[in-house]
Protein backbone atom coordinates (compact mmCIF):
# COMPACT_ATOMS: atom_id res chain seq x y z
CA MET A 1 187.62 178.68 43.60
CA LYS A 2 188.03 177.84 47.29
CA HIS A 3 191.47 177.68 48.83
CA LYS A 4 192.85 176.28 52.04
CA ARG A 5 193.42 178.78 54.74
CA THR A 6 196.91 180.23 54.52
CA THR A 7 199.27 181.08 57.35
CA PRO A 8 200.14 184.68 58.24
CA ALA A 9 203.65 184.09 56.92
CA VAL A 10 202.30 183.06 53.53
CA LEU A 11 199.94 186.03 53.43
CA LEU A 12 202.79 188.37 54.29
CA ALA A 13 204.97 186.87 51.57
CA ALA A 14 202.16 187.27 49.06
CA ALA A 15 201.69 190.87 50.12
CA LEU A 16 205.39 191.59 49.71
CA VAL A 17 205.31 190.08 46.24
CA SER A 18 202.24 192.07 45.26
CA THR A 19 203.92 195.35 46.20
CA LEU A 20 206.61 194.55 43.67
CA VAL A 21 204.12 193.91 40.88
CA THR A 22 202.83 196.80 38.83
CA GLY A 23 200.07 196.62 36.25
CA CYS A 24 197.40 193.90 36.15
CA GLY A 25 198.72 190.37 35.87
CA GLY A 26 201.74 191.32 33.82
CA GLY A 27 204.35 189.87 36.17
CA ALA A 28 207.01 191.81 38.00
CA SER A 29 208.17 193.32 34.73
CA ALA A 30 204.89 195.04 33.84
CA ASP A 31 205.44 198.79 33.40
CA ASP A 32 202.08 200.54 33.69
CA SER A 33 198.51 200.26 32.43
CA LYS A 34 199.54 201.27 28.89
CA HIS A 35 202.86 199.39 28.71
CA VAL A 36 202.59 195.75 29.81
CA THR A 37 205.19 193.00 29.78
CA ILE A 38 204.01 189.40 29.55
CA THR A 39 206.52 186.98 31.06
CA VAL A 40 206.61 183.49 29.57
CA GLY A 41 208.61 180.68 31.15
CA TYR A 42 209.64 177.85 28.83
CA GLN A 43 212.16 175.02 28.45
CA SER A 44 214.00 175.40 25.17
CA LYS A 45 215.56 171.93 25.19
CA THR A 46 212.40 170.14 26.29
CA ILE A 47 211.42 170.09 22.66
CA ASN A 48 207.86 168.80 22.87
CA THR A 49 206.97 172.16 24.48
CA VAL A 50 208.23 174.10 21.44
CA THR A 51 204.79 175.24 20.26
CA ALA A 52 204.50 177.21 23.51
CA GLY A 53 208.20 178.06 23.73
CA THR A 54 211.17 177.69 21.40
CA LEU A 55 209.36 177.45 18.06
CA LEU A 56 206.67 179.93 19.06
CA ARG A 57 209.34 182.42 20.08
CA SER A 58 211.32 182.01 16.85
CA LEU A 59 208.20 182.44 14.70
CA GLY A 60 207.11 185.61 16.52
CA TYR A 61 203.43 184.67 16.40
CA PHE A 62 202.67 185.71 19.99
CA GLU A 63 204.22 189.13 19.51
CA ARG A 64 202.22 189.57 16.32
CA GLU A 65 198.98 188.62 18.08
CA LEU A 66 199.76 191.02 20.92
CA ALA A 67 200.52 193.86 18.52
CA ALA A 68 197.09 193.41 16.96
CA GLN A 69 195.46 193.19 20.37
CA GLY A 70 197.37 196.26 21.50
CA LYS A 71 195.92 198.32 18.67
CA ARG A 72 192.44 197.32 19.77
CA ASP A 73 192.84 198.09 23.47
CA GLY A 74 195.44 200.87 23.33
CA ILE A 75 198.16 198.95 25.18
CA SER A 76 201.78 198.39 24.19
CA TYR A 77 202.68 194.75 24.91
CA LYS A 78 206.14 193.25 25.27
CA VAL A 79 207.08 189.59 25.79
CA ASP A 80 209.85 188.53 28.18
CA TRP A 81 210.85 184.95 27.34
CA GLN A 82 212.63 183.15 30.22
CA ASP A 83 214.35 179.84 29.49
CA TYR A 84 214.74 177.10 32.12
CA ALA A 85 216.05 173.51 32.16
CA THR A 86 213.06 172.04 34.04
CA GLY A 87 209.58 172.98 35.18
CA ALA A 88 210.40 173.50 38.87
CA PRO A 89 211.92 177.01 38.57
CA ILE A 90 209.05 178.07 36.32
CA THR A 91 206.61 177.08 39.07
CA ALA A 92 208.70 178.96 41.66
CA GLN A 93 208.56 182.10 39.55
CA MET A 94 204.86 181.72 38.84
CA THR A 95 203.98 181.39 42.52
CA ALA A 96 206.07 184.49 43.16
CA GLY A 97 203.98 186.36 40.59
CA LYS A 98 206.95 186.79 38.26
CA ILE A 99 205.93 184.48 35.39
CA ASP A 100 202.49 184.70 33.80
CA ILE A 101 202.46 181.70 31.46
CA GLY A 102 204.63 178.57 31.57
CA SER A 103 205.00 175.16 29.94
CA MET A 104 206.12 171.92 31.58
CA GLY A 105 205.54 168.17 31.79
CA ASP A 106 202.70 166.31 33.47
CA PHE A 107 204.36 165.62 36.82
CA PRO A 108 205.72 169.20 37.13
CA LEU A 109 202.24 170.43 36.21
CA LEU A 110 200.85 168.67 39.27
CA LEU A 111 203.55 170.27 41.41
CA ASN A 112 202.60 173.59 39.81
CA ALA A 113 198.98 173.04 40.82
CA ALA A 114 199.90 172.01 44.35
CA ARG A 115 202.33 174.88 44.99
CA GLY A 116 199.96 177.41 43.49
CA LYS A 117 197.16 176.38 45.80
CA GLN A 118 199.47 176.12 48.82
CA LEU A 119 200.83 179.65 48.31
CA ASN A 120 197.47 181.15 47.34
CA ARG A 121 198.73 181.70 43.77
CA PRO A 122 196.46 179.22 41.96
CA THR A 123 197.28 178.17 38.40
CA ARG A 124 195.37 176.52 35.58
CA LEU A 125 196.29 173.99 32.90
CA VAL A 126 194.89 175.58 29.73
CA SER A 127 196.38 173.66 26.80
CA VAL A 128 198.63 170.79 25.76
CA THR A 129 201.80 171.04 23.67
CA GLY A 130 203.11 167.55 22.82
CA TYR A 131 202.01 164.13 24.06
CA ASN A 132 202.52 160.41 23.60
CA LEU A 133 199.68 158.08 24.56
CA ARG A 134 202.03 155.23 25.52
CA GLY A 135 204.63 157.22 27.48
CA ALA A 136 207.51 157.10 24.98
CA LEU A 137 208.69 160.66 25.70
CA ASN A 138 210.66 159.32 28.69
CA THR A 139 213.50 156.80 28.38
CA VAL A 140 216.07 155.13 30.63
CA VAL A 141 219.52 154.94 29.05
CA THR A 142 222.89 153.48 30.05
CA ALA A 143 226.44 153.88 28.82
CA PRO A 144 227.09 152.35 25.36
CA ASP A 145 229.30 149.60 26.82
CA SER A 146 227.09 148.90 29.85
CA LYS A 147 226.36 145.27 30.71
CA LEU A 148 222.99 146.21 32.21
CA GLY A 149 220.29 144.47 30.20
CA SER A 150 217.04 145.27 31.99
CA LEU A 151 215.55 147.34 34.79
CA LYS A 152 216.08 144.47 37.24
CA ASP A 153 219.82 144.91 36.72
CA LEU A 154 219.55 148.39 38.26
CA LYS A 155 219.36 146.94 41.79
CA GLY A 156 222.19 148.45 43.82
CA LYS A 157 223.04 150.88 41.01
CA LYS A 158 223.09 154.68 40.82
CA VAL A 159 220.40 156.15 38.60
CA SER A 160 220.27 159.84 37.73
CA THR A 161 216.93 161.59 37.20
CA SER A 162 215.21 164.87 38.01
CA VAL A 163 213.01 164.15 41.04
CA GLY A 164 209.43 165.24 40.45
CA SER A 165 209.79 165.17 36.66
CA ALA A 166 207.87 163.02 34.19
CA ALA A 167 211.04 160.97 33.68
CA ASP A 168 211.22 160.30 37.42
CA GLY A 169 207.60 159.17 37.34
CA THR A 170 208.38 156.78 34.50
CA LEU A 171 211.37 155.41 36.41
CA VAL A 172 209.35 154.79 39.58
CA ARG A 173 206.49 153.10 37.75
CA ALA A 174 208.77 151.00 35.54
CA LEU A 175 210.83 149.80 38.50
CA GLN A 176 207.66 148.87 40.39
CA ARG A 177 206.53 146.70 37.48
CA ALA A 178 209.97 145.08 37.40
CA GLY A 179 209.79 144.31 41.11
CA VAL A 180 212.41 146.89 42.05
CA ASP A 181 211.84 149.37 44.89
CA ALA A 182 212.76 152.85 43.62
CA GLU A 183 213.52 154.03 47.16
CA LYS A 184 215.35 151.04 48.62
CA ASP A 185 216.83 149.04 45.73
CA ILE A 186 218.55 151.80 43.78
CA ARG A 187 220.49 154.94 44.66
CA LYS A 188 218.59 157.75 43.01
CA LEU A 189 220.63 160.84 42.08
CA ASN A 190 218.49 163.99 41.86
CA GLN A 191 220.19 165.90 39.05
CA GLN A 192 219.39 168.34 36.26
CA PRO A 193 219.33 166.60 32.85
CA ALA A 194 222.67 168.03 31.69
CA VAL A 195 224.34 167.08 34.98
CA GLY A 196 222.92 163.58 34.78
CA ALA A 197 224.15 163.20 31.20
CA SER A 198 227.65 164.17 32.32
CA ALA A 199 227.43 161.77 35.28
CA LEU A 200 226.52 158.92 32.94
CA GLN A 201 229.48 159.66 30.70
CA ALA A 202 231.84 159.99 33.67
CA GLY A 203 230.67 156.69 35.13
CA SER A 204 229.35 158.24 38.35
CA ALA A 205 225.84 157.17 37.33
CA ASP A 206 224.97 153.72 35.99
CA ALA A 207 221.82 154.85 34.24
CA LEU A 208 219.91 158.01 33.38
CA SER A 209 216.12 158.39 33.30
CA GLN A 210 215.17 161.57 31.47
CA PHE A 211 212.59 163.25 29.29
CA VAL A 212 212.74 164.40 25.69
CA ALA A 213 215.20 165.20 24.14
CA TRP A 214 218.05 163.99 26.38
CA PRO A 215 217.84 160.22 25.75
CA GLY A 216 217.57 160.68 21.99
CA LEU A 217 220.44 163.18 22.01
CA LEU A 218 222.81 160.93 23.96
CA VAL A 219 222.03 157.90 21.82
CA PHE A 220 222.47 159.93 18.62
CA GLN A 221 225.87 161.07 19.89
CA ASN A 222 226.86 157.47 20.68
CA LYS A 223 227.09 158.40 24.37
CA ALA A 224 224.30 156.09 25.52
CA LYS A 225 222.01 153.23 24.57
CA ALA A 226 218.39 152.70 25.52
CA LEU A 227 217.68 150.37 28.45
CA TYR A 228 213.95 151.01 28.85
CA ASP A 229 211.39 152.51 26.48
CA GLY A 230 208.78 154.48 28.45
CA ALA A 231 206.14 153.28 26.00
CA GLU A 232 206.29 149.87 27.67
CA LEU A 233 204.22 151.41 30.47
CA ASN A 234 201.45 152.17 27.98
CA LEU A 235 200.43 155.23 30.01
CA PRO A 236 200.01 158.68 28.42
CA THR A 237 202.55 161.38 29.11
CA PHE A 238 202.39 164.98 27.95
CA HIS A 239 203.51 168.57 28.38
CA GLY A 240 201.14 171.48 28.73
CA VAL A 241 200.66 175.20 29.29
CA THR A 242 199.88 176.56 32.74
CA VAL A 243 198.82 180.11 33.55
CA ARG A 244 198.39 182.04 36.78
CA GLU A 245 194.70 182.18 37.60
CA ASP A 246 194.77 185.90 38.42
CA PHE A 247 196.48 186.65 35.12
CA ALA A 248 193.93 184.58 33.15
CA GLU A 249 191.07 186.40 34.82
CA GLN A 250 192.56 189.90 34.48
CA ARG A 251 193.93 189.52 30.93
CA PRO A 252 191.79 186.92 29.12
CA LYS A 253 192.44 188.56 25.73
CA VAL A 254 196.19 188.18 26.23
CA LEU A 255 195.75 184.52 27.12
CA ASP A 256 193.59 184.08 24.02
CA ALA A 257 196.35 185.72 21.95
CA PHE A 258 198.88 183.26 23.37
CA LEU A 259 196.69 180.25 22.64
CA ALA A 260 195.90 181.49 19.14
CA ALA A 261 199.64 181.84 18.53
CA GLN A 262 200.25 178.36 19.96
CA ILE A 263 197.66 176.89 17.61
CA GLU A 264 199.34 178.57 14.65
CA ALA A 265 202.78 177.34 15.76
CA THR A 266 201.33 173.83 16.08
CA ASN A 267 199.98 174.04 12.53
CA TYR A 268 203.40 175.22 11.32
CA LEU A 269 205.13 172.27 13.00
CA ASN A 270 202.65 169.74 11.66
CA ASP A 271 202.63 171.20 8.13
CA ARG A 272 206.39 171.82 7.87
CA PRO A 273 208.04 169.35 10.27
CA VAL A 274 211.54 169.47 8.76
CA GLN A 275 211.63 173.28 8.69
CA ALA A 276 210.30 173.34 12.26
CA ALA A 277 213.01 170.91 13.36
CA GLU A 278 215.67 173.10 11.74
CA LYS A 279 214.32 176.20 13.52
CA VAL A 280 214.29 174.47 16.91
CA ALA A 281 217.76 173.07 16.29
CA LYS A 282 219.10 176.52 15.46
CA ALA A 283 217.56 178.01 18.60
CA THR A 284 218.69 175.25 20.97
CA GLY A 285 221.92 173.89 19.53
CA LEU A 286 220.37 170.41 19.37
CA PRO A 287 221.04 168.37 16.22
CA PRO A 288 218.09 168.65 13.79
CA GLU A 289 218.07 164.86 13.48
CA VAL A 290 217.33 164.57 17.22
CA VAL A 291 214.61 167.20 17.11
CA TYR A 292 212.97 165.42 14.19
CA LEU A 293 213.03 162.07 16.02
CA TYR A 294 210.57 163.53 18.51
CA ASN A 295 208.84 166.37 16.66
CA GLY A 296 208.78 165.15 13.07
CA SER A 297 205.90 163.72 11.08
CA GLY A 298 204.86 160.57 12.93
CA GLY A 299 207.47 161.34 15.58
CA ILE A 300 207.45 160.30 19.22
CA ALA A 301 205.51 163.44 20.18
CA THR A 302 202.10 164.38 18.80
CA PHE A 303 201.36 168.10 18.86
CA ASP A 304 197.79 169.19 19.57
CA PRO A 305 196.75 171.96 22.02
CA ALA A 306 193.42 170.27 22.87
CA VAL A 307 193.15 169.01 26.45
CA LYS A 308 192.11 165.44 25.69
CA PRO A 309 190.20 163.44 28.33
CA GLN A 310 192.72 160.58 28.27
CA LEU A 311 195.50 163.02 29.20
CA VAL A 312 193.49 164.43 32.10
CA SER A 313 192.77 160.88 33.25
CA ALA A 314 196.50 160.07 33.14
CA LEU A 315 197.25 163.22 35.14
CA LYS A 316 194.92 162.02 37.89
CA LYS A 317 196.78 158.70 38.02
CA ASP A 318 200.08 160.56 38.33
CA VAL A 319 199.02 162.11 41.64
CA SER A 320 199.55 158.87 43.57
CA VAL A 321 203.16 158.63 42.37
CA LEU A 322 203.97 162.12 43.64
CA LYS A 323 202.08 161.50 46.88
CA SER A 324 204.06 158.34 47.57
CA ALA A 325 207.25 160.36 47.12
CA LYS A 326 205.82 162.95 49.56
CA LEU A 327 206.13 165.68 46.93
CA VAL A 328 202.43 166.62 47.04
CA GLY A 329 199.32 165.90 49.05
CA ASP A 330 195.96 165.64 47.34
CA VAL A 331 195.70 167.54 44.05
CA ASP A 332 192.30 168.55 42.69
CA VAL A 333 193.01 167.90 39.02
CA ASP A 334 189.50 168.84 37.91
CA SER A 335 189.87 172.31 39.44
CA PHE A 336 193.34 172.71 37.93
CA VAL A 337 192.35 171.76 34.37
CA ASP A 338 190.51 174.51 32.50
CA ASP A 339 190.12 174.03 28.76
CA SER A 340 187.56 176.83 28.38
CA PRO A 341 190.15 179.31 26.98
CA ILE A 342 191.49 176.92 24.30
CA LYS A 343 187.92 175.85 23.53
CA ARG A 344 186.96 179.50 23.13
CA VAL A 345 189.86 180.18 20.76
CA TYR A 346 189.28 177.04 18.66
CA GLY A 347 185.52 177.48 18.43
CA LYS A 348 183.62 174.69 16.65
CA GLU A 349 186.88 172.98 15.66
CA TYR A 350 187.62 172.05 19.29
CA ALA A 351 185.33 169.02 19.29
CA GLU A 352 187.18 167.73 16.22
CA ARG A 353 190.52 168.23 17.94
CA LEU A 354 189.36 166.32 21.02
CA ALA A 355 188.33 163.36 18.87
CA SER A 356 191.51 163.29 16.77
CA ALA A 357 194.04 160.48 17.20
CA PRO A 358 197.81 160.55 16.72
CA ALA A 359 199.21 159.31 13.43
CA ALA A 360 201.03 155.98 13.55
CA SER A 361 204.79 156.26 13.52
CA ARG A 362 206.37 155.34 10.22
CA SER A 363 209.73 154.55 8.70
CA GLU A 364 211.45 157.60 7.20
CA VAL A 365 214.78 158.54 5.67
CA TRP A 366 216.16 162.07 5.74
CA LEU A 367 218.76 162.41 3.00
CA LYS A 368 221.55 164.95 3.09
CA GLY A 369 220.73 168.14 1.24
CA GLU A 370 216.98 167.49 1.18
CA ASP A 371 214.34 169.57 2.97
CA SER A 372 211.81 166.76 3.27
CA THR A 373 211.91 163.14 4.37
CA ARG A 374 211.07 159.99 2.42
CA PRO A 375 208.46 157.67 3.98
CA PHE A 376 208.46 153.88 3.62
CA ASP A 377 205.75 151.31 4.18
CA SER A 378 207.92 149.17 6.45
CA PRO A 379 211.31 149.07 8.19
CA ALA A 380 212.36 146.40 5.69
CA ALA A 381 211.57 148.73 2.79
CA LEU A 382 213.66 151.44 4.44
CA LEU A 383 216.55 149.03 4.90
CA LYS A 384 216.34 148.01 1.24
CA PHE A 385 216.52 151.65 0.15
CA VAL A 386 219.51 152.41 2.38
CA ALA A 387 221.31 149.26 1.27
CA ALA A 388 220.82 150.14 -2.40
CA GLY A 389 223.81 152.48 -2.46
CA ASN A 390 222.21 155.23 -0.37
CA ASP A 391 223.98 154.63 2.94
CA ASP A 392 226.40 157.55 2.49
CA LYS A 393 223.54 159.89 1.57
CA VAL A 394 221.52 159.24 4.74
CA ARG A 395 221.38 162.07 7.23
CA ALA A 396 219.05 160.11 9.52
CA ALA A 397 216.83 157.05 9.23
CA TYR A 398 213.94 156.35 11.59
CA VAL A 399 211.95 153.17 12.25
CA PRO A 400 209.11 152.33 14.69
CA ASP A 401 209.67 149.76 17.44
CA ALA A 402 207.95 146.52 16.40
CA THR A 403 206.13 146.26 19.74
CA THR A 404 205.62 149.77 21.16
CA GLY A 405 205.67 151.80 17.94
CA THR A 406 208.24 154.20 19.41
CA ARG A 407 210.25 155.78 16.63
CA TRP A 408 214.02 155.29 16.92
CA TYR A 409 217.16 155.66 14.85
CA ALA A 410 217.51 152.74 12.45
CA ASP A 411 221.25 152.40 13.07
CA LYS A 412 220.79 152.49 16.87
CA ALA A 413 217.88 150.05 17.00
CA VAL A 414 218.24 146.43 18.05
CA TRP A 415 217.26 144.35 15.01
CA VAL A 416 215.67 140.92 15.04
CA GLN A 417 215.53 138.59 12.08
CA ASP A 418 212.49 136.32 12.14
CA GLY A 419 212.57 134.24 8.99
CA LYS A 420 212.54 136.76 6.16
CA GLU A 421 211.22 139.54 8.41
CA LEU A 422 213.43 142.21 9.97
CA LYS A 423 212.02 143.92 13.07
CA PRO A 424 213.52 146.91 14.95
CA PHE A 425 213.36 147.48 18.72
CA VAL A 426 214.42 150.43 20.87
CA THR A 427 215.93 148.22 23.57
CA ALA A 428 217.76 144.91 23.84
CA SER A 429 215.20 143.74 26.40
CA GLY A 430 212.38 144.44 23.95
CA ALA A 431 214.18 142.45 21.27
CA GLY A 432 214.89 139.70 23.79
CA ALA A 433 211.23 139.42 24.75
CA TYR A 434 210.36 138.99 21.07
CA THR A 435 212.99 136.33 20.36
CA GLN A 436 211.90 134.40 23.45
CA ALA A 437 208.33 134.35 22.20
CA HIS A 438 209.33 133.49 18.63
CA PRO A 439 211.64 130.44 18.42
CA GLY A 440 214.05 130.63 15.53
CA SER A 441 214.28 134.42 15.54
CA ARG A 442 217.57 136.06 16.47
CA THR A 443 219.08 139.49 17.04
CA VAL A 444 221.34 140.80 14.29
CA SER A 445 223.46 143.91 13.82
CA TYR A 446 222.32 146.87 11.75
CA ALA A 447 224.95 145.97 9.14
CA THR A 448 223.58 142.43 8.93
CA ALA A 449 220.04 143.75 8.67
CA LEU A 450 221.11 145.92 5.73
CA GLU A 451 222.74 142.91 4.06
CA GLN A 452 219.64 140.78 4.54
CA ALA A 453 217.41 143.52 3.10
CA SER A 454 219.51 144.14 -0.01
């Protein structure tokens, strides 16, 4: 791979870093040739990265794979898991040679690629964790009592987001479509997700644009309501695994072990979604009901490590958004994406994975005391079940948005009655667009929807 010529200062910095690193590609914590530490950067609360982070760590699959590999090559491997709130610090540590493998969202991945090339520490995107083909992993929320009804109402308002994140990209694109200039018409607050959530509650921010699982968490806690569903953009968004190029070349068997473990963790999540949600909840402190909203069967996120062409295509389109914000220059996405390791680990099955499509979201009820959910053919059928004396037994109920398909909490959705039909929407603006196009339909409360379904 060719790289731009670096300045003497950058070369000196790289040299200083390399003197701190012992072993081959094992990060700053590697001990010697027979005792190697693999450093993995992850985001525990960014829960559609769990198959390369939180869930993978709790299952111990990577350590097991390394133990087996260690017996074959005579090396004692140790894993150092480092938890971060966003992708930016993971990139900083990777370009300093201190993190070997990391996971982050699509926009941070582009920053990872750009910084890696700039600092002569190139990285590669080697697998995907969770994705949504319409963009529903990012949501704009407001306070529960906010009078803001659409993105156009954000003019002159303060909006919290994490600049350079996938949620920021969604905000910029959504505002552009609404005819609002993200730089001139709003006051953007560059804040970590937790800080932004606090700002929204304190009233120092009028809206919050964030990635999974913050919007779902705040709405579940009755601390926010959805203003804009990222799925309205109808553009794919995803999170993926990035690795330092030198590490991948020096320790390909370790990378293979990581990807094999990720595949197994993905199978665990897809086969046992409720148990996986409980594990992630225990590790993060997030409510299981929120984790399941995103990571459950037919949830907002689809988990598949394959690097699908439509995701790579979306990544290329993301470059222009970051360039306009002057966060990156040109990014060679084709050089950054390398699915050869995951293809090698999957073998013949990889072609099948590339061709697979996400399952449609469905209506589900999770009853108290049960370790599985109950699916329903329609939101109306779910409402009928809840209304039939089961309301007090419901731990969580989920329904897909009638337009975007985004799964949401049944009791937080905006319901529309259209004749005998009852249709749920994530946002009031989505419901409003439907009622405008369907004369005679009207929005109703969740309680009314339950009454009508009984």
